[in-house]
Amino acid sequence: MIPVVGAGVRTLVMSLFWSFLLFGGMAAYSELIANSRFLARSDEVLRRAARLEPRVEPLVAERLQAEARRRAALYEEEIERTHLVDGMVVNLSAKGHMMDQCDSLLFSSLRYVSLVKLDLKTQANSAWQAIEQSQTDGRWLRHPRCSRSTSRDMILGVLIAMSQAPEGFGEHLSTLMRLVDNNDGFFGSGPIYVSYLSPGLARFVALLAERQGYPTTKLPEIIRAGYSTAELEVLVTQRGFESHLGALTAWLELELTAKVPLDLSASGTISELVDRIVSPFAADSLNSQRLGWITDRLIAADPSNLFFRYLRLRAAGALTVTARMHMLNELLNMPHFPSDRLPMNCDRSADYLWQRENRGKNQQPLGCNEEYNGTDFLWMAALLLENLPDAGLTNH
């Protein structure tokens, strides 16, 4: 009798297991369809709101653009005067000592992209040349004066810089691919969670290589096998630095696909794997809604973040000239960015505004004993000013 009872228990347990699995699968399926329809509706609402937004008068828009360019030029002059060490951006202590040099590769890359988009060609060329020098034996350095192994966020910065196709970047991209291929996926000497090329970064390397005309069959296997993980990472990403990296990942994909249209359905995304069973009932293919989903999650995590809001509007096709003008006005009126000098720690509680959850003014008076390099202003101003001279001041 005991074996019979045991078999009955096992049958009951397995029945419950498959019931829960089926229930979970149906719930997940329903959630995917609901999210797809929500995103489609959300995108339409954002586009409609952008069309109805009060138009900025031409003279006001002209003043906003002029002030943004003036302040960006002032910040860049101050960066060059006091905040470059070996051509790479750093922050400064009250005594003039460099700080945060081990994060320099990422933020130097963001500064370079900003200078390109602000059409400051001479400064941009110098910035790129300094980034090129932050290598040894083909390995990227956080900063020539930082001894720590480089990390994924630093490599993301390099790829962001490469998105602007600077001179010689194709050779650096080839070197990076060989390095990763010859070292079993590692681009640095750190542990696997620091210096191993993630599937998401591998996918961007492949996209950049495609722009350079590399045949897919010639790419290293680890590069060919890259796929996006951003759709899942955004579910567990913490507000602050990690969510900012997710935002930069979304920006890089938007940038690459805007310059050269790419077939994302064949470029490695998790969402494409479930599209076949969901698409008949969804508002649109999940793969085409990836960036909307990612940027919507970023906004949910930090709705006051101006960079995140820019990304959400851009992903939704709602980043009109009028929307840019309103955001530019907001940027210029933020007390975190002084109009006559670089920001300091007595102005705000963050060195780089868009990667910190708490961006408000310090609640308790602080001595001005740290000066920040202001790359966060350059970055946001450059994105909002991009293409405006040719766009015309309309709602389209």
Protein backbone atom coordinates (compact mmCIF):
# COMPACT_ATOMS: atom_id res chain seq x y z
CA MET A 1 0.00 0.00 0.00
CA ILE A 2 2.84 2.41 0.76
CA PRO A 3 4.11 2.59 -2.87
CA VAL A 4 0.55 3.23 -4.07
CA VAL A 5 0.09 6.08 -1.59
CA GLY A 6 3.51 7.46 -2.57
CA ALA A 7 2.59 7.43 -6.24
CA GLY A 8 -0.65 9.24 -5.46
CA VAL A 9 1.20 11.93 -3.55
CA ARG A 10 3.70 12.38 -6.37
CA THR A 11 0.84 12.64 -8.88
CA LEU A 12 -0.87 15.26 -6.71
CA VAL A 13 2.36 17.23 -6.31
CA MET A 14 3.06 17.15 -10.05
CA SER A 15 -0.50 18.19 -10.83
CA LEU A 16 -0.18 21.14 -8.47
CA PHE A 17 3.21 22.03 -9.95
CA TRP A 18 1.91 22.06 -13.54
CA SER A 19 -1.19 23.96 -12.45
CA PHE A 20 0.91 26.67 -10.83
CA LEU A 21 3.21 26.74 -13.85
CA LEU A 22 0.27 27.08 -16.22
CA PHE A 23 -1.29 29.76 -14.03
CA GLY A 24 2.01 31.64 -13.87
CA GLY A 25 2.49 31.36 -17.62
CA MET A 26 -1.01 32.65 -18.32
CA ALA A 27 -0.47 35.52 -15.88
CA ALA A 28 2.83 36.45 -17.51
CA TYR A 29 1.27 36.19 -20.96
CA SER A 30 -1.60 38.46 -19.92
CA GLU A 31 0.85 40.91 -18.35
CA LEU A 32 2.89 41.12 -21.55
CA ILE A 33 -0.20 41.85 -23.63
CA ALA A 34 -1.45 44.41 -21.11
CA ASN A 35 1.95 46.14 -21.01
CA SER A 36 2.10 46.22 -24.79
CA ARG A 37 -1.28 47.92 -25.01
CA PHE A 38 -0.40 50.29 -22.17
CA LEU A 39 2.84 51.34 -23.89
CA ALA A 40 1.08 51.92 -27.20
CA ARG A 41 -1.47 54.10 -25.44
CA SER A 42 1.22 55.88 -23.42
CA ASP A 43 3.23 56.70 -26.55
CA GLU A 44 0.13 58.10 -28.25
CA VAL A 45 -0.70 60.24 -25.20
CA LEU A 46 2.84 61.61 -25.11
CA ARG A 47 2.78 62.43 -28.82
CA ARG A 48 -0.60 64.13 -28.50
CA ALA A 49 0.52 66.12 -25.44
CA ALA A 50 3.65 67.22 -27.30
CA ARG A 51 1.53 68.50 -30.19
CA LEU A 52 -0.71 70.44 -27.79
CA GLU A 53 2.11 71.91 -25.70
CA PRO A 54 2.18 75.73 -25.74
CA ARG A 55 4.48 76.91 -28.49
CA VAL A 56 7.58 78.82 -27.40
CA GLU A 57 7.80 82.21 -29.06
CA PRO A 58 10.74 82.49 -31.51
CA LEU A 59 12.46 85.28 -29.58
CA VAL A 60 12.19 83.34 -26.33
CA ALA A 61 13.50 80.20 -28.02
CA GLU A 62 16.39 82.17 -29.46
CA ARG A 63 17.31 83.49 -26.02
CA LEU A 64 17.11 80.02 -24.48
CA GLN A 65 19.42 78.54 -27.09
CA ALA A 66 21.86 81.43 -26.82
CA GLU A 67 22.02 81.15 -23.02
CA ALA A 68 22.46 77.37 -23.15
CA ARG A 69 25.35 77.71 -25.60
CA ARG A 70 26.91 80.55 -23.59
CA ARG A 71 26.79 78.55 -20.37
CA ALA A 72 28.07 75.40 -22.07
CA ALA A 73 31.00 77.37 -23.53
CA LEU A 74 31.76 78.86 -20.09
CA TYR A 75 31.67 75.43 -18.46
CA GLU A 76 33.94 74.00 -21.14
CA GLU A 77 36.43 76.84 -20.70
CA GLU A 78 36.52 76.19 -16.96
CA ILE A 79 36.86 72.44 -17.49
CA GLU A 80 39.85 72.99 -19.76
CA ARG A 81 41.38 75.46 -17.32
CA THR A 82 41.12 73.45 -14.12
CA HIS A 83 39.43 70.05 -14.53
CA LEU A 84 41.55 68.14 -17.03
CA VAL A 85 44.31 65.78 -15.92
CA ASP A 86 46.01 64.08 -18.84
CA GLY A 87 43.17 65.53 -20.91
CA MET A 88 40.54 63.58 -18.95
CA VAL A 89 37.86 65.16 -16.75
CA VAL A 90 38.09 64.94 -12.96
CA ASN A 91 36.55 66.73 -9.99
CA LEU A 92 38.57 68.89 -7.61
CA SER A 93 38.90 69.22 -3.86
CA ALA A 94 39.19 72.60 -2.14
CA LYS A 95 42.99 72.25 -2.31
CA GLY A 96 42.90 71.57 -6.02
CA HIS A 97 43.57 67.83 -5.74
CA MET A 98 41.93 65.64 -8.37
CA MET A 99 39.04 63.44 -7.31
CA ASP A 100 37.02 60.68 -8.98
CA GLN A 101 39.71 59.96 -11.57
CA CYS A 102 38.74 56.28 -11.55
CA ASP A 103 35.38 57.25 -13.11
CA SER A 104 37.00 59.50 -15.69
CA LEU A 105 36.75 57.30 -18.79
CA LEU A 106 32.94 57.26 -18.70
CA PHE A 107 32.49 60.96 -18.06
CA SER A 108 35.27 61.99 -20.43
CA SER A 109 33.39 60.04 -23.10
CA LEU A 110 30.15 61.86 -22.27
CA ARG A 111 31.99 65.17 -22.45
CA TYR A 112 33.40 64.22 -25.85
CA VAL A 113 29.94 63.39 -27.24
CA SER A 114 28.59 66.65 -25.81
CA LEU A 115 31.31 68.67 -27.53
CA VAL A 116 30.58 66.94 -30.84
CA LYS A 117 26.89 67.75 -30.61
CA LEU A 118 27.61 71.32 -29.52
CA ASP A 119 29.76 71.63 -32.66
CA LEU A 120 32.87 72.52 -30.64
CA LYS A 121 35.10 70.64 -33.04
CA THR A 122 38.53 71.66 -31.75
CA GLN A 123 37.67 70.81 -28.16
CA ALA A 124 36.01 67.56 -29.23
CA ASN A 125 39.09 66.44 -31.17
CA SER A 126 41.32 67.12 -28.15
CA ALA A 127 38.90 65.25 -25.88
CA TRP A 128 38.92 62.19 -28.17
CA GLN A 129 42.71 62.20 -28.42
CA ALA A 130 42.93 62.13 -24.62
CA ILE A 131 40.48 59.22 -24.49
CA GLU A 132 42.59 57.36 -27.05
CA GLN A 133 45.63 57.77 -24.81
CA SER A 134 43.85 56.20 -21.85
CA GLN A 135 44.99 52.73 -22.89
CA THR A 136 47.89 50.42 -22.28
CA ASP A 137 48.57 47.38 -24.44
CA GLY A 138 45.10 47.74 -25.95
CA ARG A 139 43.37 47.72 -22.55
CA TRP A 140 41.25 50.75 -21.71
CA LEU A 141 42.12 52.58 -18.49
CA ARG A 142 39.70 54.32 -16.20
CA HIS A 143 42.25 57.14 -16.20
CA PRO A 144 46.01 57.07 -16.84
CA ARG A 145 46.48 57.73 -13.11
CA CYS A 146 44.03 55.12 -11.83
CA SER A 147 45.40 51.64 -11.12
CA ARG A 148 42.05 49.86 -10.81
CA SER A 149 40.94 47.51 -13.56
CA THR A 150 38.46 48.98 -15.99
CA SER A 151 34.80 47.99 -15.71
CA ARG A 152 31.71 47.56 -17.85
CA ASP A 153 30.48 51.09 -17.24
CA MET A 154 33.80 52.45 -18.48
CA ILE A 155 33.59 50.32 -21.63
CA LEU A 156 30.03 51.56 -22.11
CA GLY A 157 31.49 55.06 -22.06
CA VAL A 158 34.01 54.13 -24.77
CA LEU A 159 31.22 52.69 -26.94
CA ILE A 160 29.19 55.86 -26.42
CA ALA A 161 32.17 57.89 -27.66
CA MET A 162 32.57 55.55 -30.63
CA SER A 163 28.92 56.15 -31.58
CA GLN A 164 30.08 59.51 -32.97
CA ALA A 165 32.52 57.73 -35.32
CA PRO A 166 35.66 59.63 -34.23
CA GLU A 167 38.81 59.29 -36.27
CA GLY A 168 40.48 55.91 -35.81
CA PHE A 169 37.68 54.38 -33.74
CA GLY A 170 37.40 51.38 -36.07
CA GLU A 171 40.94 50.30 -35.19
CA HIS A 172 40.19 50.65 -31.47
CA LEU A 173 37.02 48.61 -31.93
CA SER A 174 38.97 45.86 -33.67
CA THR A 175 41.55 45.87 -30.87
CA LEU A 176 38.81 45.56 -28.26
CA MET A 177 37.25 42.61 -30.09
CA ARG A 178 40.62 40.83 -30.36
CA LEU A 179 41.33 41.48 -26.69
CA VAL A 180 38.01 40.01 -25.63
CA ASP A 181 38.37 37.06 -28.00
CA ASN A 182 41.90 36.25 -26.83
CA ASN A 183 41.03 36.52 -23.14
CA ASP A 184 37.88 34.40 -22.98
CA GLY A 185 35.56 37.39 -22.78
CA PHE A 186 37.62 39.59 -20.44
CA PHE A 187 38.63 43.16 -21.37
CA GLY A 188 40.40 43.88 -18.06
CA SER A 189 42.05 42.22 -15.09
CA GLY A 190 39.11 42.53 -12.70
CA PRO A 191 36.73 39.77 -11.60
CA ILE A 192 34.02 38.45 -13.91
CA TYR A 193 31.35 40.84 -12.59
CA VAL A 194 33.64 43.81 -13.35
CA SER A 195 35.76 43.08 -16.41
CA TYR A 196 33.87 40.45 -18.41
CA LEU A 197 32.06 41.64 -21.54
CA SER A 198 28.35 41.30 -20.85
CA PRO A 199 25.96 40.14 -23.58
CA GLY A 200 24.48 43.66 -23.74
CA LEU A 201 27.87 45.28 -24.34
CA ALA A 202 28.76 42.57 -26.85
CA ARG A 203 25.61 43.45 -28.80
CA PHE A 204 26.65 47.11 -29.00
CA VAL A 205 30.13 46.13 -30.16
CA ALA A 206 28.47 44.07 -32.89
CA LEU A 207 26.22 46.99 -33.90
CA LEU A 208 29.21 49.33 -34.12
CA ALA A 209 31.13 46.72 -36.10
CA GLU A 210 28.18 46.41 -38.49
CA ARG A 211 28.32 50.15 -39.07
CA GLN A 212 31.99 49.72 -39.96
CA GLY A 213 31.15 47.06 -42.51
CA TYR A 214 32.40 44.03 -40.58
CA PRO A 215 30.83 40.81 -41.90
CA THR A 216 28.95 39.10 -39.09
CA THR A 217 30.78 35.85 -39.81
CA LYS A 218 34.12 37.55 -39.10
CA LEU A 219 33.14 38.69 -35.61
CA PRO A 220 34.37 36.74 -32.57
CA GLU A 221 31.82 34.26 -31.28
CA ILE A 222 31.31 36.13 -28.00
CA ILE A 223 30.47 39.28 -30.00
CA ARG A 224 28.12 37.47 -32.38
CA ALA A 225 26.35 35.90 -29.40
CA GLY A 226 25.56 39.26 -27.79
CA TYR A 227 21.98 40.09 -26.90
CA SER A 228 20.13 42.81 -25.03
CA THR A 229 19.46 42.23 -21.34
CA ALA A 230 18.21 45.75 -20.64
CA GLU A 231 14.56 44.67 -20.69
CA LEU A 232 15.18 42.46 -17.64
CA GLU A 233 17.79 44.61 -15.89
CA VAL A 234 15.45 47.59 -15.75
CA LEU A 235 13.07 45.51 -13.60
CA VAL A 236 15.60 45.20 -10.77
CA THR A 237 17.75 48.28 -11.31
CA GLN A 238 18.13 50.53 -8.31
CA ARG A 239 17.62 54.26 -8.59
CA GLY A 240 20.82 56.25 -8.93
CA PHE A 241 24.01 55.13 -10.66
CA GLU A 242 22.61 51.81 -11.93
CA SER A 243 19.51 53.38 -13.46
CA HIS A 244 21.72 56.00 -15.13
CA LEU A 245 23.71 53.23 -16.79
CA GLY A 246 20.43 51.76 -18.03
CA ALA A 247 19.53 55.19 -19.40
CA LEU A 248 22.87 55.47 -21.20
CA THR A 249 22.30 52.02 -22.69
CA ALA A 250 18.91 53.16 -24.03
CA TRP A 251 20.47 56.37 -25.37
CA LEU A 252 23.21 54.44 -27.16
CA GLU A 253 20.69 52.23 -28.93
CA LEU A 254 18.60 55.26 -29.93
CA GLU A 255 21.75 56.97 -31.20
CA LEU A 256 22.96 54.02 -33.23
CA THR A 257 19.61 53.29 -34.83
CA ALA A 258 19.04 56.98 -35.62
CA LYS A 259 22.33 57.27 -37.52
CA VAL A 260 22.10 54.00 -39.45
CA PRO A 261 18.82 52.06 -39.39
CA LEU A 262 19.51 48.55 -38.15
CA ASP A 263 17.40 45.41 -38.18
CA LEU A 264 16.91 45.06 -34.45
CA SER A 265 14.81 41.94 -34.93
CA ALA A 266 18.01 40.18 -35.93
CA SER A 267 20.36 41.88 -33.50
CA GLY A 268 19.72 39.92 -30.33
CA THR A 269 16.91 40.91 -27.99
CA ILE A 270 15.03 38.88 -25.44
CA SER A 271 11.69 40.36 -26.48
CA GLU A 272 11.95 38.94 -30.00
CA LEU A 273 11.89 35.41 -28.54
CA VAL A 274 8.35 35.82 -27.23
CA ASP A 275 7.03 38.03 -30.01
CA ARG A 276 5.60 35.14 -32.02
CA ILE A 277 3.18 34.04 -29.34
CA VAL A 278 2.30 37.49 -28.01
CA SER A 279 2.11 39.63 -31.16
CA PRO A 280 -1.33 38.40 -32.33
CA PHE A 281 -2.91 39.98 -29.24
CA ALA A 282 -0.48 42.81 -28.43
CA ALA A 283 -0.81 46.38 -29.69
CA ASP A 284 2.57 46.11 -31.39
CA SER A 285 5.55 43.78 -31.49
CA LEU A 286 7.37 43.60 -28.17
CA ASN A 287 10.68 44.10 -29.92
CA SER A 288 9.57 47.45 -31.33
CA GLN A 289 8.39 48.49 -27.85
CA ARG A 290 11.59 47.61 -26.01
CA LEU A 291 12.88 51.17 -25.69
CA GLY A 292 9.44 52.43 -24.70
CA TRP A 293 9.31 49.79 -21.96
CA ILE A 294 12.83 50.55 -20.73
CA THR A 295 12.40 54.33 -20.67
CA ASP A 296 8.97 54.04 -19.08
CA ARG A 297 10.50 52.01 -16.25
CA LEU A 298 13.24 54.61 -15.84
CA ILE A 299 10.63 57.35 -15.51
CA ALA A 300 8.71 55.28 -12.96
CA ALA A 301 11.88 54.97 -10.89
CA ASP A 302 12.87 58.64 -11.09
CA PRO A 303 10.23 60.90 -12.68
CA SER A 304 12.09 64.16 -11.97
CA ASN A 305 15.21 63.09 -13.87
CA LEU A 306 15.43 65.36 -16.92
CA PHE A 307 17.61 62.92 -18.87
CA PHE A 308 15.14 60.09 -18.29
CA ARG A 309 12.25 62.29 -19.43
CA TYR A 310 14.17 63.23 -22.57
CA LEU A 311 14.69 59.53 -23.31
CA ARG A 312 11.02 58.68 -22.76
CA LEU A 313 9.88 61.38 -25.17
CA ARG A 314 12.51 60.40 -27.73
CA ALA A 315 11.58 56.72 -27.56
CA ALA A 316 7.89 57.63 -27.97
CA GLY A 317 8.53 59.88 -30.97
CA ALA A 318 7.30 62.85 -28.92
CA LEU A 319 10.52 64.88 -28.67
CA THR A 320 9.28 67.90 -30.61
CA VAL A 321 11.17 71.17 -30.90
CA THR A 322 8.67 72.73 -28.50
CA ALA A 323 9.29 69.95 -25.97
CA ARG A 324 13.02 70.52 -26.28
CA MET A 325 12.53 74.24 -25.62
CA HIS A 326 10.50 73.65 -22.47
CA MET A 327 13.09 71.18 -21.18
CA LEU A 328 15.91 73.56 -22.05
CA ASN A 329 14.17 76.30 -20.08
CA GLU A 330 13.89 73.92 -17.12
CA LEU A 331 17.57 73.00 -17.38
CA LEU A 332 18.68 76.63 -17.42
CA ASN A 333 16.57 77.45 -14.38
CA MET A 334 17.85 74.59 -12.24
CA PRO A 335 19.81 76.01 -9.29
CA HIS A 336 22.22 73.08 -9.59
CA PHE A 337 23.91 74.71 -12.60
CA PRO A 338 25.24 78.20 -11.76
CA SER A 339 25.26 80.63 -14.66
CA ASP A 340 28.71 82.11 -13.98
CA ARG A 341 30.86 79.21 -12.69
CA LEU A 342 31.07 75.45 -12.39
CA PRO A 343 28.82 73.78 -9.78
CA MET A 344 30.12 72.95 -6.32
CA ASN A 345 29.02 70.71 -3.49
CA CYS A 346 27.34 73.67 -1.79
CA ASP A 347 25.08 73.98 -4.87
CA ARG A 348 23.88 70.40 -4.84
CA SER A 349 24.46 66.97 -3.30
CA ALA A 350 25.58 65.19 -6.47
CA ASP A 351 28.71 65.31 -8.58
CA TYR A 352 26.83 64.21 -11.72
CA LEU A 353 23.16 65.07 -11.44
CA TRP A 354 21.51 62.47 -13.66
CA GLN A 355 23.02 59.49 -11.82
CA ARG A 356 21.96 60.45 -8.31
CA GLU A 357 18.54 59.86 -6.80
CA ASN A 358 18.82 62.84 -4.47
CA ARG A 359 19.58 65.84 -6.65
CA GLY A 360 18.11 68.60 -4.52
CA LYS A 361 20.01 71.43 -2.92
CA ASN A 362 21.80 70.46 0.26
CA GLN A 363 19.47 70.83 3.22
CA GLN A 364 22.26 71.94 5.53
CA PRO A 365 24.73 74.70 4.66
CA LEU A 366 28.04 73.31 3.42
CA GLY A 367 31.32 74.96 2.70
CA CYS A 368 32.14 75.08 -0.99
CA ASN A 369 35.03 72.64 -0.79
CA GLU A 370 34.50 70.50 -3.91
CA GLU A 371 34.12 71.70 -7.48
CA TYR A 372 32.39 69.47 -10.03
CA ASN A 373 33.33 69.44 -13.70
CA GLY A 374 29.84 70.21 -15.00
CA THR A 375 29.80 67.50 -17.68
CA ASP A 376 26.19 66.77 -16.70
CA PHE A 377 25.17 70.22 -17.95
CA LEU A 378 27.15 69.84 -21.17
CA TRP A 379 25.50 66.47 -21.81
CA MET A 380 21.92 67.61 -21.29
CA ALA A 381 22.36 70.93 -23.09
CA ALA A 382 23.94 69.17 -26.08
CA LEU A 383 21.09 66.66 -26.37
CA LEU A 384 18.42 69.35 -26.19
CA LEU A 385 20.18 71.71 -28.61
CA GLU A 386 20.94 68.98 -31.15
CA ASN A 387 19.56 69.74 -34.63
CA LEU A 388 17.58 72.76 -33.44
CA PRO A 389 19.03 75.28 -35.95
CA ASP A 390 17.61 73.28 -38.84
CA ALA A 391 14.44 72.14 -37.14
CA GLY A 392 12.47 75.38 -37.05
CA LEU A 393 10.40 76.45 -34.08
CA THR A 394 7.29 74.41 -34.66
CA ASN A 395 5.49 71.70 -32.75
CA HIS A 396 6.69 69.02 -35.16
